[in-house]
Protein backbone atom coordinates (compact mmCIF):
# COMPACT_ATOMS: atom_id res chain seq x y z
CA MET A 1 -93.00 113.10 108.67
CA SER A 2 -95.64 110.43 109.51
CA LEU A 3 -93.64 107.47 108.38
CA ILE A 4 -91.01 107.92 111.19
CA ARG A 5 -93.79 108.45 113.68
CA PHE A 6 -95.30 105.20 112.56
CA ALA A 7 -92.14 103.29 112.68
CA ARG A 8 -91.39 104.60 116.33
CA MET A 9 -94.86 103.60 117.29
CA CYS A 10 -94.31 99.99 115.77
CA GLU A 11 -90.90 99.72 117.44
CA ALA A 12 -92.56 100.58 120.83
CA LEU A 13 -95.28 97.98 120.06
CA GLU A 14 -92.63 95.30 119.33
CA LEU A 15 -90.82 95.98 122.62
CA GLN A 16 -93.89 95.84 124.67
CA ASN A 17 -95.10 92.46 125.97
CA SER A 18 -98.23 93.59 127.62
CA THR A 19 -101.27 93.73 125.53
CA LYS A 20 -102.82 96.44 127.81
CA GLU A 21 -99.91 98.74 127.01
CA LYS A 22 -99.92 97.91 123.28
CA ILE A 23 -103.64 99.09 123.42
CA ARG A 24 -102.50 102.23 125.25
CA ILE A 25 -99.68 102.96 122.76
CA ILE A 26 -102.06 102.67 119.80
CA ASP A 27 -104.71 104.79 121.31
CA GLU A 28 -102.23 107.68 122.45
CA SER A 29 -100.25 107.61 119.23
CA LEU A 30 -103.43 107.91 116.94
CA SER A 31 -103.55 111.58 117.77
CA SER A 32 -100.29 112.27 116.27
CA PHE A 33 -101.40 111.33 112.73
CA SER A 34 -103.10 113.34 110.19
CA ASN A 35 -104.74 110.23 108.66
CA PRO A 36 -105.30 107.79 111.53
CA LYS A 37 -107.75 105.71 109.54
CA LEU A 38 -104.99 104.63 107.19
CA VAL A 39 -102.84 104.07 110.23
CA LEU A 40 -105.42 101.49 111.52
CA ASP A 41 -105.74 100.01 108.02
CA ILE A 42 -102.04 99.27 107.94
CA LEU A 43 -101.81 98.00 111.51
CA THR A 44 -104.59 95.44 110.80
CA LEU A 45 -103.18 94.54 107.40
CA ASN A 46 -106.35 95.88 105.74
CA LEU A 47 -104.41 96.11 102.50
CA GLU A 48 -104.79 94.93 98.89
CA VAL A 49 -102.71 92.08 97.80
CA ASN A 50 -99.30 93.38 96.32
CA SER A 51 -97.95 89.94 95.04
CA ILE A 52 -94.65 90.05 96.81
CA GLY A 53 -93.07 86.88 98.22
CA ASN A 54 -89.83 86.53 100.13
CA LYS A 55 -87.65 85.63 97.07
CA ARG A 56 -88.76 88.45 94.92
CA ALA A 57 -88.70 90.81 97.92
CA ILE A 58 -84.79 90.01 98.40
CA THR A 59 -84.30 90.68 94.73
CA TRP A 60 -85.95 94.07 94.95
CA ILE A 61 -84.31 95.15 98.04
CA ALA A 62 -80.86 93.96 96.74
CA ASN A 63 -81.15 95.75 93.50
CA ALA A 64 -82.67 98.90 95.01
CA LEU A 65 -79.96 99.26 97.74
CA GLU A 66 -77.10 98.11 95.38
CA LEU A 67 -76.37 95.08 97.54
CA PHE A 68 -75.91 91.30 96.57
CA ASP A 69 -78.83 89.10 97.09
CA ASP A 70 -76.63 86.80 99.37
CA GLU A 71 -76.03 89.75 101.61
CA VAL A 72 -79.61 90.33 102.14
CA LYS A 73 -80.33 86.74 102.61
CA ALA A 74 -77.50 86.61 105.26
CA GLU A 75 -78.91 89.32 107.22
CA GLN A 76 -82.31 87.71 107.12
CA GLU A 77 -80.89 84.47 108.41
CA VAL A 78 -78.99 86.32 111.25
CA TRP A 79 -81.74 88.50 112.43
CA GLY A 80 -84.82 86.46 111.58
CA ASP A 81 -86.53 88.79 109.09
CA ILE A 82 -85.36 91.06 106.31
CA GLY A 83 -86.80 94.14 107.99
CA GLU A 84 -84.82 93.69 111.01
CA GLY A 85 -81.77 92.48 108.94
CA MET A 86 -81.71 95.78 106.96
CA TYR A 87 -82.15 97.94 110.05
CA GLN A 88 -79.01 96.26 111.55
CA PHE A 89 -76.93 96.03 108.46
CA LEU A 90 -77.61 99.68 106.78
CA PRO A 91 -76.09 102.82 108.34
CA ASN A 92 -78.82 105.10 109.66
CA GLY A 93 -79.99 107.51 106.90
CA LYS A 94 -81.88 110.64 106.96
CA GLU A 95 -85.48 110.43 108.05
CA SER A 96 -88.01 110.82 105.06
CA ASN A 97 -90.79 113.17 104.63
CA PHE A 98 -93.26 110.39 103.70
CA THR A 99 -96.90 110.75 104.80
CA ILE A 100 -99.01 107.78 105.84
CA LYS A 101 -100.93 108.11 102.62
CA GLN A 102 -97.68 107.70 100.66
CA LEU A 103 -96.72 104.76 103.00
CA TYR A 104 -100.12 103.12 102.22
CA SER A 105 -99.60 103.55 98.42
CA LEU A 106 -96.22 101.88 98.64
CA LEU A 107 -97.72 99.01 100.49
CA VAL A 108 -100.25 98.12 97.83
CA LEU A 109 -98.04 98.64 94.92
CA ASP A 110 -98.42 95.72 92.33
CA CYS A 111 -95.00 93.95 92.78
CA SER A 112 -95.81 91.23 90.31
CA SER A 113 -92.82 92.25 88.04
CA ILE A 114 -89.47 94.05 88.52
CA ASN A 115 -89.70 95.51 85.05
CA SER A 116 -92.36 97.96 86.17
CA ASP A 117 -93.16 101.44 87.46
CA SER A 118 -93.81 99.86 90.75
CA TYR A 119 -90.22 98.78 91.06
CA THR A 120 -88.94 102.27 90.04
CA ILE A 121 -91.26 103.84 92.71
CA PHE A 122 -90.20 101.28 95.33
CA ALA A 123 -86.47 101.61 94.68
CA GLU A 124 -86.69 105.64 94.80
CA SER A 125 -88.69 105.43 97.88
CA ILE A 126 -86.73 103.05 100.17
CA ASN A 127 -83.48 104.93 99.31
CA LYS A 128 -85.05 108.02 101.06
CA MET A 129 -85.85 106.06 104.25
CA SER A 130 -83.93 106.00 107.43
CA ASN A 131 -83.18 102.31 108.41
CA LEU A 132 -85.82 102.43 111.13
CA GLU A 133 -88.56 103.61 108.57
CA LEU A 134 -87.21 100.93 106.16
CA LYS A 135 -87.36 98.12 108.75
CA TRP A 136 -91.15 98.81 109.32
CA PHE A 137 -92.04 99.46 105.72
CA ILE A 138 -90.47 96.14 104.70
CA ARG A 139 -92.34 94.18 107.57
CA TYR A 140 -95.64 95.58 106.50
CA TRP A 141 -94.86 95.33 102.73
CA LEU A 142 -94.39 91.67 103.44
CA ARG A 143 -97.35 91.48 105.47
CA SER A 144 -95.41 90.14 108.50
CA PRO A 145 -94.98 92.98 111.03
CA ARG A 146 -93.98 90.74 114.01
CA ASN A 147 -95.15 93.16 116.62
CA ASP A 148 -98.12 90.93 117.85
CA VAL A 149 -100.71 93.62 116.98
CA SER A 150 -104.01 91.78 116.04
CA GLU A 151 -107.12 93.25 114.76
CA SER A 152 -108.80 92.61 118.30
CA THR A 153 -105.98 94.74 119.83
CA VAL A 154 -106.76 97.64 117.51
CA ILE A 155 -110.51 97.29 118.34
CA LYS A 156 -109.63 97.46 122.01
CA ALA A 157 -107.59 100.52 121.49
CA VAL A 158 -110.41 102.22 119.57
CA LYS A 159 -112.82 101.20 122.40
CA ARG A 160 -110.44 102.80 124.91
CA ARG A 161 -110.90 106.07 123.07
CA PHE A 162 -114.54 105.67 122.74
CA PRO A 163 -115.52 103.73 125.94
CA ASN A 164 -119.19 104.53 125.70
CA ARG A 165 -119.66 103.04 122.32
CA ASN A 166 -120.01 99.44 121.44
CA VAL A 167 -117.04 99.40 119.22
CA GLU A 168 -116.81 95.51 119.06
CA HIS A 169 -120.43 95.39 117.64
CA LEU A 170 -119.78 98.16 115.20
CA SER A 171 -116.56 96.56 114.16
CA ASN A 172 -118.67 93.42 113.27
CA ILE A 173 -120.32 95.41 110.65
CA GLN A 174 -117.69 97.72 109.44
CA HIS A 175 -113.93 97.55 109.62
CA VAL A 176 -112.50 99.12 112.75
CA SER A 177 -110.76 101.75 110.60
CA ILE A 178 -114.16 102.98 109.35
CA VAL A 179 -115.74 102.84 112.76
CA PHE A 180 -112.83 104.98 114.14
CA HIS A 181 -113.00 107.56 111.27
CA HIS A 182 -116.76 108.17 111.95
CA LEU A 183 -116.56 108.21 115.71
CA GLU A 184 -113.63 110.62 115.60
CA GLN A 185 -115.75 113.04 113.39
CA ASN A 186 -118.72 112.65 115.82
CA LYS A 187 -120.62 110.67 113.11
CA GLU A 188 -122.43 107.56 113.38
CA PRO A 189 -120.59 104.49 111.68
CA PRO A 190 -122.69 102.93 108.96
CA THR A 191 -124.53 99.96 110.49
CA SER A 192 -126.14 98.45 107.35
CA ILE A 193 -124.45 95.77 105.37
CA GLN A 194 -124.84 95.84 101.69
CA THR A 195 -124.35 93.07 99.34
CA GLY A 196 -120.58 93.02 98.33
CA MET A 197 -119.46 93.93 101.87
CA PHE A 198 -117.92 90.95 103.34
CA LEU A 199 -118.91 90.26 107.18
CA LYS A 200 -116.46 88.42 109.24
CA PRO A 201 -118.19 85.17 109.91
CA SER A 202 -119.44 83.69 113.31
CA LEU A 203 -117.34 80.84 114.48
CA ALA A 204 -117.96 77.69 116.65
CA LYS A 205 -116.40 76.57 119.83
CA VAL A 206 -116.10 72.86 120.68
CA TYR A 207 -119.00 71.42 122.64
CA SER A 208 -118.11 70.36 126.18
CA ASN A 209 -121.53 69.41 127.78
CA ASN A 210 -122.44 73.03 128.45
CA LEU A 211 -125.69 73.81 126.48
CA PRO A 212 -127.63 76.99 125.65
CA LYS A 213 -131.05 77.17 127.19
CA ASN A 214 -132.78 76.96 123.77
CA TYR A 215 -130.89 75.34 120.96
CA ILE A 216 -131.19 73.54 117.70
CA LEU A 217 -129.09 70.66 116.27
CA ASP A 218 -127.85 71.02 112.74
CA THR A 219 -125.81 68.76 110.66
CA LYS A 220 -121.97 69.57 110.52
CA TYR A 221 -120.92 69.19 106.91
CA ASP A 222 -117.47 68.31 105.78
CA GLY A 223 -116.95 71.10 103.26
CA ASN A 224 -115.70 74.76 103.19
CA ARG A 225 -117.41 77.96 104.51
CA TYR A 226 -118.60 80.52 102.09
CA GLN A 227 -120.52 83.78 102.37
CA ILE A 228 -122.62 84.31 99.26
CA HIS A 229 -124.08 87.72 98.16
CA LYS A 230 -126.78 88.11 95.66
CA ASN A 231 -127.98 91.35 94.24
CA LYS A 232 -130.49 90.74 91.39
CA THR A 233 -128.37 89.34 88.67
CA ASP A 234 -124.99 89.78 90.48
CA VAL A 235 -123.65 86.91 92.58
CA LEU A 236 -120.38 87.06 94.71
CA ILE A 237 -118.86 84.32 96.62
CA PHE A 238 -116.33 84.90 99.42
CA ASN A 239 -114.28 82.37 101.33
CA ARG A 240 -113.85 82.43 104.97
CA LYS A 241 -110.91 85.00 104.77
CA GLY A 242 -113.16 87.38 102.69
CA LYS A 243 -111.22 86.46 99.42
CA LEU A 244 -113.57 86.46 96.28
CA VAL A 245 -113.70 82.85 94.91
CA THR A 246 -116.82 83.27 92.70
CA HIS A 247 -114.98 81.72 89.75
CA GLN A 248 -114.50 78.45 91.50
CA PHE A 249 -118.25 77.79 91.78
CA PRO A 250 -120.17 78.67 88.27
CA ASP A 251 -122.66 75.82 89.01
CA VAL A 252 -123.38 77.46 92.56
CA VAL A 253 -123.78 80.88 90.96
CA GLU A 254 -126.37 79.57 88.50
CA GLU A 255 -128.09 77.88 91.42
CA VAL A 256 -128.38 81.18 93.53
CA LEU A 257 -129.51 83.09 90.52
CA GLU A 258 -132.68 80.90 90.49
CA PHE A 259 -133.53 81.81 94.11
CA ASN A 260 -136.63 83.75 94.54
CA ALA A 261 -134.95 86.33 96.96
CA SER A 262 -133.57 89.16 94.68
CA THR A 263 -131.10 90.21 97.31
CA CYS A 264 -129.73 88.31 100.28
CA ILE A 265 -126.35 87.56 102.08
CA LEU A 266 -126.13 83.99 103.05
CA ASP A 267 -123.93 82.02 105.36
CA THR A 268 -123.36 78.50 103.69
CA GLU A 269 -121.24 75.48 103.51
CA ILE A 270 -120.30 73.94 100.19
CA TYR A 271 -119.35 70.39 100.47
CA PRO A 272 -118.31 67.63 97.81
CA VAL A 273 -121.12 65.10 96.76
CA THR A 274 -120.76 61.71 95.09
CA LYS A 275 -122.60 62.96 91.82
CA LYS A 276 -124.26 65.96 90.66
CA GLY A 277 -127.66 66.40 92.21
CA SER A 278 -126.78 64.02 95.23
CA LEU A 279 -126.89 65.05 98.87
CA ASP A 280 -124.63 62.26 99.82
CA PRO A 281 -121.05 63.57 100.93
CA ALA A 282 -117.80 62.68 99.10
CA PRO A 283 -114.36 62.83 100.77
CA HIS A 284 -113.37 66.48 101.40
CA LYS A 285 -110.16 65.79 99.56
CA ILE A 286 -111.71 66.32 96.13
CA MET A 287 -112.56 69.95 97.01
CA ALA A 288 -108.98 70.66 96.05
CA ALA A 289 -110.02 70.32 92.45
CA ARG A 290 -112.27 73.45 92.89
CA VAL A 291 -109.87 75.42 94.85
CA HIS A 292 -106.66 74.84 92.89
CA ALA A 293 -107.86 73.90 89.32
CA LYS A 294 -107.21 76.14 86.44
CA ASP A 295 -110.08 74.85 84.18
CA LYS A 296 -113.02 75.55 86.29
CA GLN A 297 -115.53 73.73 83.93
CA GLU A 298 -113.49 70.52 84.38
CA ALA A 299 -113.31 71.04 88.14
CA VAL A 300 -117.13 71.28 88.11
CA LEU A 301 -117.26 67.69 86.57
CA LYS A 302 -114.50 66.37 88.69
CA CYS A 303 -115.96 67.72 91.95
CA PRO A 304 -119.78 68.15 92.02
CA VAL A 305 -120.78 70.08 95.09
CA GLN A 306 -123.79 70.88 97.27
CA MET A 307 -124.39 74.37 98.84
CA VAL A 308 -126.41 74.37 102.18
CA ILE A 309 -127.56 77.51 103.77
CA PHE A 310 -127.39 77.51 107.65
CA ASP A 311 -127.68 81.24 108.28
CA ILE A 312 -128.88 84.41 106.71
CA ILE A 313 -127.26 87.82 107.28
CA GLN A 314 -129.41 90.03 105.02
CA TYR A 315 -132.57 89.28 103.26
CA MET A 316 -134.41 91.48 100.72
CA GLY A 317 -132.69 94.43 101.99
CA TYR A 318 -133.25 93.77 105.81
CA LEU A 319 -130.24 93.31 107.94
CA LEU A 320 -130.81 90.35 110.22
CA ILE A 321 -127.74 90.13 112.48
CA ASP A 322 -129.58 91.56 115.50
CA GLU A 323 -132.49 89.07 115.16
CA PRO A 324 -132.37 85.93 117.13
CA TYR A 325 -131.35 82.81 115.16
CA ARG A 326 -134.78 81.30 115.49
CA LYS A 327 -136.08 84.46 113.41
CA ARG A 328 -133.45 84.14 110.94
CA LEU A 329 -134.19 80.59 110.27
CA LEU A 330 -137.71 81.42 109.38
CA HIS A 331 -136.37 82.96 106.02
CA LEU A 332 -134.71 79.52 105.17
CA LYS A 333 -138.22 78.29 104.30
CA ASP A 334 -137.96 80.64 101.14
CA PHE A 335 -135.13 78.69 99.79
CA PRO A 336 -135.02 75.24 98.01
CA GLU A 337 -135.28 72.25 100.45
CA ASN A 338 -132.06 70.87 99.05
CA ASN A 339 -130.34 74.12 100.14
CA GLN A 340 -131.49 74.23 103.60
CA VAL A 341 -129.49 72.92 106.46
CA TRP A 342 -130.51 69.48 107.62
CA SER A 343 -131.74 70.04 111.19
CA PHE A 344 -132.88 67.53 113.71
CA ASP A 345 -136.44 67.68 115.64
CA GLU A 346 -136.03 69.62 118.87
CA ASN A 347 -136.56 66.58 121.16
CA THR A 348 -133.77 64.77 119.40
CA PRO A 349 -130.94 63.56 121.95
CA ILE A 350 -127.36 65.22 121.08
CA ASP A 351 -125.98 61.69 120.90
CA VAL A 352 -128.73 60.39 118.72
CA ALA A 353 -128.26 63.29 116.24
CA TYR A 354 -124.55 62.94 116.39
CA ASN A 355 -124.60 59.16 115.57
CA THR A 356 -127.12 59.81 112.84
CA ALA A 357 -125.10 62.42 111.15
CA ILE A 358 -121.93 60.34 111.33
CA ASN A 359 -123.83 57.30 109.76
CA ARG A 360 -124.93 59.34 106.98
CA GLY A 361 -121.32 60.39 106.25
CA PHE A 362 -121.35 63.89 107.61
CA GLU A 363 -118.80 65.24 110.27
CA GLY A 364 -121.19 65.53 113.37
CA VAL A 365 -123.60 68.16 114.74
CA MET A 366 -123.66 71.91 115.33
CA ILE A 367 -125.34 73.12 118.52
CA LYS A 368 -126.78 76.53 117.90
CA ASP A 369 -128.27 78.95 120.40
CA LEU A 370 -131.93 79.90 119.01
CA ASP A 371 -131.74 83.12 121.14
CA ALA A 372 -128.38 84.34 119.78
CA LYS A 373 -127.86 87.34 117.55
CA TYR A 374 -125.26 87.05 114.61
CA ARG A 375 -121.83 87.90 115.99
CA SER A 376 -118.56 87.72 114.08
CA GLY A 377 -115.79 85.74 115.85
CA ARG A 378 -115.79 82.60 118.17
CA SER A 379 -118.41 82.39 120.82
CA ASN A 380 -120.60 79.80 122.78
CA ASN A 381 -123.45 80.87 120.44
CA ILE A 382 -122.35 77.92 118.05
CA LEU A 383 -120.86 74.69 119.30
CA LYS A 384 -119.47 71.77 117.10
CA HIS A 385 -119.72 68.23 118.22
CA LYS A 386 -117.19 66.18 116.16
CA PRO A 387 -115.51 62.71 116.63
CA ALA A 388 -113.35 62.30 119.64
CA ARG A 389 -110.28 62.24 117.65
CA ILE A 390 -107.91 65.22 118.28
CA GLU A 391 -108.06 67.62 115.30
CA LEU A 392 -106.16 70.83 115.31
CA ASP A 393 -105.63 73.77 112.96
CA LEU A 394 -101.86 74.47 112.91
CA VAL A 395 -99.79 76.73 110.78
CA ILE A 396 -96.75 75.53 108.65
CA THR A 397 -93.62 77.05 109.95
CA SER A 398 -91.00 74.92 108.26
CA ALA A 399 -90.65 72.29 105.47
CA LYS A 400 -88.16 69.64 104.29
CA TYR A 401 -87.86 68.02 100.81
CA GLY A 402 -89.19 64.45 100.65
CA GLU A 403 -87.33 61.30 99.51
CA GLY A 404 -87.71 58.93 96.54
CA LYS A 405 -90.30 60.01 94.04
CA ARG A 406 -91.10 63.08 96.12
CA SER A 407 -87.54 64.31 96.39
CA GLY A 408 -88.40 67.37 94.30
CA LEU A 409 -91.15 68.23 96.55
CA PHE A 410 -91.49 69.31 100.17
CA GLY A 411 -92.61 66.17 101.92
CA SER A 412 -92.45 66.96 105.66
CA PHE A 413 -93.91 69.98 107.42
CA GLY A 414 -93.23 71.53 110.83
CA VAL A 415 -96.50 72.67 112.33
CA SER A 416 -97.00 75.31 115.13
CA ALA A 417 -99.53 76.39 117.38
CA LYS A 418 -100.10 80.19 118.28
CA THR A 419 -98.58 81.65 121.31
CA LYS A 420 -98.83 85.02 122.96
CA ASN A 421 -95.67 86.13 121.03
CA GLY A 422 -95.67 84.16 117.96
CA TYR A 423 -95.88 80.36 117.06
CA GLN A 424 -94.41 77.16 118.58
CA ASN A 425 -93.52 74.01 116.98
CA VAL A 426 -95.60 71.04 118.05
CA GLY A 427 -94.53 68.39 115.61
CA ASN A 428 -93.85 67.40 111.95
CA VAL A 429 -96.44 65.83 109.69
CA GLY A 430 -96.22 64.45 106.21
CA SER A 431 -98.91 61.85 105.72
CA GLY A 432 -102.30 62.44 104.33
CA LEU A 433 -101.25 64.55 101.49
CA SER A 434 -101.66 63.82 97.75
CA ASP A 435 -98.93 64.59 95.11
CA GLY A 436 -101.13 67.45 94.17
CA ASP A 437 -101.34 68.55 97.64
CA LEU A 438 -97.46 68.41 97.90
CA LEU A 439 -96.88 70.29 94.57
CA TYR A 440 -99.34 72.92 95.79
CA LEU A 441 -97.55 73.34 99.19
CA THR A 442 -94.26 73.37 97.62
CA THR A 443 -95.01 76.10 95.09
CA GLU A 444 -96.69 78.17 97.70
CA LEU A 445 -94.13 77.74 100.68
CA LYS A 446 -91.33 78.62 98.33
CA LYS A 447 -92.86 82.19 97.97
CA ILE A 448 -92.60 82.74 101.87
CA ILE A 449 -89.35 81.18 102.69
CA ASP A 450 -87.84 83.23 105.78
CA LYS A 451 -84.55 81.33 106.33
CA TYR A 452 -82.82 78.10 105.62
CA SER A 453 -80.70 75.96 107.93
CA SER A 454 -79.45 72.36 107.87
CA ASP A 455 -81.97 71.01 105.17
CA VAL A 456 -84.81 72.79 106.89
CA PHE A 457 -86.71 75.66 105.12
CA PHE A 458 -88.19 77.95 107.58
CA VAL A 459 -91.38 79.74 106.38
CA LEU A 460 -93.68 82.65 107.25
CA PRO A 461 -96.67 81.59 109.25
CA ARG A 462 -99.26 81.78 106.36
CA ILE A 463 -100.68 78.34 105.39
CA VAL A 464 -102.81 76.28 107.80
CA LEU A 465 -103.26 72.66 107.96
CA GLU A 466 -106.04 70.61 109.58
CA VAL A 467 -104.10 67.92 111.41
CA ARG A 468 -105.63 64.83 113.13
CA CYS A 469 -103.77 62.95 115.74
CA ASP A 470 -104.35 60.21 118.28
CA LEU A 471 -102.68 61.81 121.14
CA ILE A 472 -100.99 64.88 122.42
CA SER A 473 -97.60 64.04 124.48
CA GLN A 474 -95.41 66.31 126.49
CA ASP A 475 -91.67 65.60 127.18
CA SER A 476 -89.67 66.20 130.16
CA ASP A 477 -88.80 69.91 128.89
CA GLY A 478 -92.51 70.63 128.85
CA ASN A 479 -92.59 70.69 124.91
CA TYR A 480 -95.74 69.34 123.42
CA GLY A 481 -95.87 66.73 120.43
CA LEU A 482 -98.42 64.99 118.23
CA ARG A 483 -98.70 61.32 118.11
CA PHE A 484 -99.44 59.72 114.76
CA PRO A 485 -100.47 63.12 112.99
CA ARG A 486 -102.02 63.12 109.57
CA VAL A 487 -103.28 66.04 107.52
CA ILE A 488 -106.78 65.97 106.99
CA ARG A 489 -106.92 69.16 104.54
CA ILE A 490 -105.17 72.45 103.75
CA ARG A 491 -107.10 75.08 105.31
CA ASN A 492 -107.03 77.97 102.61
CA ASP A 493 -110.07 79.35 104.35
CA LYS A 494 -108.19 80.12 107.53
CA HIS A 495 -105.76 82.83 108.59
CA ALA A 496 -102.66 81.77 110.73
CA TYR A 497 -103.86 83.85 113.52
CA ASN A 498 -107.19 81.67 113.84
CA CYS A 499 -105.16 78.40 114.28
CA ASN A 500 -105.12 76.71 117.62
CA THR A 501 -103.14 78.09 120.37
CA ILE A 502 -100.64 76.30 122.63
CA GLU A 503 -103.07 76.71 125.55
CA ASP A 504 -105.63 74.83 123.46
CA ILE A 505 -102.98 71.93 123.08
CA LYS A 506 -102.33 72.19 126.69
CA ASN A 507 -105.77 71.47 127.68
CA MET A 508 -106.08 68.61 125.34
CA ALA A 509 -102.97 66.87 126.48
């Protein structure tokens, strides 16, 4: 009866505001499961895509439970999500005998069509669940658990169990569930990174006059972050989220195949250029042709790109993440000059480098600690120095239809910053988006509508926008707002949990 144990644990996590207590609950609960590795995979949403959206989920649930779609929608609007709605609406049934392995299998079912074996399995399964089991199954099925358990929380829980091991470092290399599985069996977790294994990238903080002792200045390109893996004749390209996007860059694949290195894992930026073979940057907006286009060959012509290597994770079979940046940089010399990051001389003042980069059409400079090892997540090892205008990564939490020629598309978007318990709206934005952008956002947001009220469609926090504004204001009630906001780009490379926090906004106001 592992499913009910899992549901009770999640219920306890939801009711607990203290992160320390959440860590304790996870740690102490793991012993009660026969397959704790899968529990950690589920808690961290380390799950394959199941192609289910809000609208289809309502149809599946209604059909399976012999309800009307409107009944499910009504409970969703009242309680805020379908899982809680079904928990409150349905009489409590008998607890199931589902194992965690069975739960995992249900969560990764291909839900692209109701006329499938997947639906039959789904319908039979949820009719065997108690309402508490169903609540938490639905939440994880929709990839929206709403219990404020992040991957870092889980890593800390595993650290609590193994205080003498560097769990944070090990989880840099392998997923925390794999780390736990090995440590629980008194085995050493794998510490090698093979091509094809995505490594969570290192992330930059904003420069604020505090500099590393030894550093180098690199150009900050206005492109998208990609991790490129080469193993002889095989090339894989991952976006920042770890999603394979190799098909978007057939020209880059050809380029990588020409590299002398037979195996390598590269940390790169791919940015749009004015024409093929040029290094001069073009407006970032045209990258949408690569990300959203169906005809990839046509996209190559519409949006020529340049790939720049700024870090090396693995080279010729040797893992480099524990080497200082200065040593990792030595391997850059083995790659074509046009693919090397444009760095400044060591004596170049930051302001001079910054202005030079801006004048050449780039976004600014990166300040990198030459003594730092490669570490996933955000740290002071890498600092970014960009224009003084306020730029934020915010998640869309609501949308309204536009007017006039845009009346058939969402034209205004409520954007929110992350809080300890969820997301807080900081304003609305609509300018800066092309008709193609609006069509894309309308299509994608319709899949994740959570509820509807007074012409506003509230959506699950999934899609991140990079927003630029002139000022952050605060009203008499303490609410923050953006003055003259404008969308810079759709951040498909970012998860909602990586968007700016309300504390960030408070510090900028």
